[in-house]
Amino acid sequence: MKEILILGSQEYENSETTNYGDCILINTGSKLFIYDCGHEAHADKVISYMDKHGYEKATLILSHNDKDHFEGIRY
């Protein structure tokens, strides 16, 4: 199944970090790409998605070196 999932920072409006970048998952059916990591709260959703679809690894693409685009990477 091919799928694109966008986790936006707007999901966390009540947090102090509403200006965090998005996290975009691109599933080609055989590979998973993660474009930016956004908010650390995205991590649980990314891990859950990977488990559900049987991915142990993903290719990470960072758009640029700003904290709001890679904060979730440590998870």
Protein backbone atom coordinates (compact mmCIF):
# COMPACT_ATOMS: atom_id res chain seq x y z
CA MET A 1 0.00 0.00 0.00
CA LYS A 2 1.35 3.43 -0.92
CA GLU A 3 0.59 6.14 1.59
CA ILE A 4 1.64 9.59 2.77
CA LEU A 5 0.97 10.56 6.38
CA ILE A 6 1.46 14.15 7.55
CA LEU A 7 1.83 14.79 11.28
CA GLY A 8 1.46 18.54 11.71
CA SER A 9 2.55 20.70 14.61
CA GLN A 10 -0.98 22.07 14.84
CA GLU A 11 -1.91 18.85 16.66
CA TYR A 12 -0.12 20.24 19.70
CA GLU A 13 -1.65 23.71 19.94
CA ASN A 14 -1.83 23.59 23.74
CA SER A 15 1.86 22.89 24.07
CA GLU A 16 4.59 25.50 24.28
CA THR A 17 6.11 24.16 21.07
CA THR A 18 3.40 24.93 18.51
CA ASN A 19 5.98 26.26 16.07
CA TYR A 20 7.56 22.86 15.52
CA GLY A 21 7.89 21.57 11.99
CA ASP A 22 5.89 18.75 10.52
CA CYS A 23 6.80 15.09 10.23
CA ILE A 24 5.90 13.40 6.96
CA LEU A 25 5.90 9.64 6.46
CA ILE A 26 6.11 8.38 2.89
CA ASN A 27 5.35 4.68 2.50
CA THR A 28 6.12 3.36 -1.00
CA GLY A 29 4.90 -0.11 -0.13
CA SER A 30 8.45 -1.44 0.09
CA LYS A 31 10.32 1.42 1.79
CA LEU A 32 9.49 4.02 4.40
CA PHE A 33 10.83 7.57 4.25
CA ILE A 34 10.55 10.06 7.11
CA TYR A 35 10.81 13.68 6.00
CA ASP A 36 11.70 15.81 9.01
CA CYS A 37 10.94 14.68 12.55
CA GLY A 38 9.17 17.72 13.92
CA HIS A 39 7.87 17.64 17.47
CA GLU A 40 9.09 14.94 19.88
CA ALA A 41 5.44 13.95 20.36
CA HIS A 42 5.44 12.71 16.74
CA ALA A 43 7.77 9.88 17.80
CA ASP A 44 5.07 7.68 19.34
CA LYS A 45 2.95 7.95 16.20
CA VAL A 46 5.92 7.18 13.95
CA ILE A 47 6.93 4.14 16.00
CA SER A 48 3.35 2.88 16.07
CA TYR A 49 3.07 3.33 12.29
CA MET A 50 6.34 1.48 11.71
CA ASP A 51 5.25 -1.41 13.94
CA LYS A 52 1.83 -1.63 12.29
CA HIS A 53 3.33 -1.78 8.79
CA GLY A 54 6.28 -4.05 9.65
CA TYR A 55 9.10 -1.54 9.22
CA GLU A 56 12.20 -1.83 11.40
CA LYS A 57 14.12 0.86 9.50
CA ALA A 58 13.32 4.01 7.58
CA THR A 59 15.26 6.47 5.48
CA LEU A 60 15.38 9.83 7.22
CA ILE A 61 15.42 13.05 5.19
CA LEU A 62 15.98 16.36 6.99
CA SER A 63 15.05 19.51 5.11
CA HIS A 64 17.43 21.71 7.08
CA ASN A 65 19.31 21.98 10.37
CA ASP A 66 16.75 23.70 12.60
CA LYS A 67 15.72 22.14 15.89
CA ASP A 68 12.03 22.25 15.00
CA HIS A 69 12.71 19.90 12.09
CA PHE A 70 14.77 17.27 13.92
CA GLU A 71 13.65 17.38 17.58
CA GLY A 72 11.81 14.04 17.27
CA ILE A 73 14.85 12.18 15.91
CA ARG A 74 16.19 11.20 19.33
CA TYR A 75 13.16 9.00 19.88
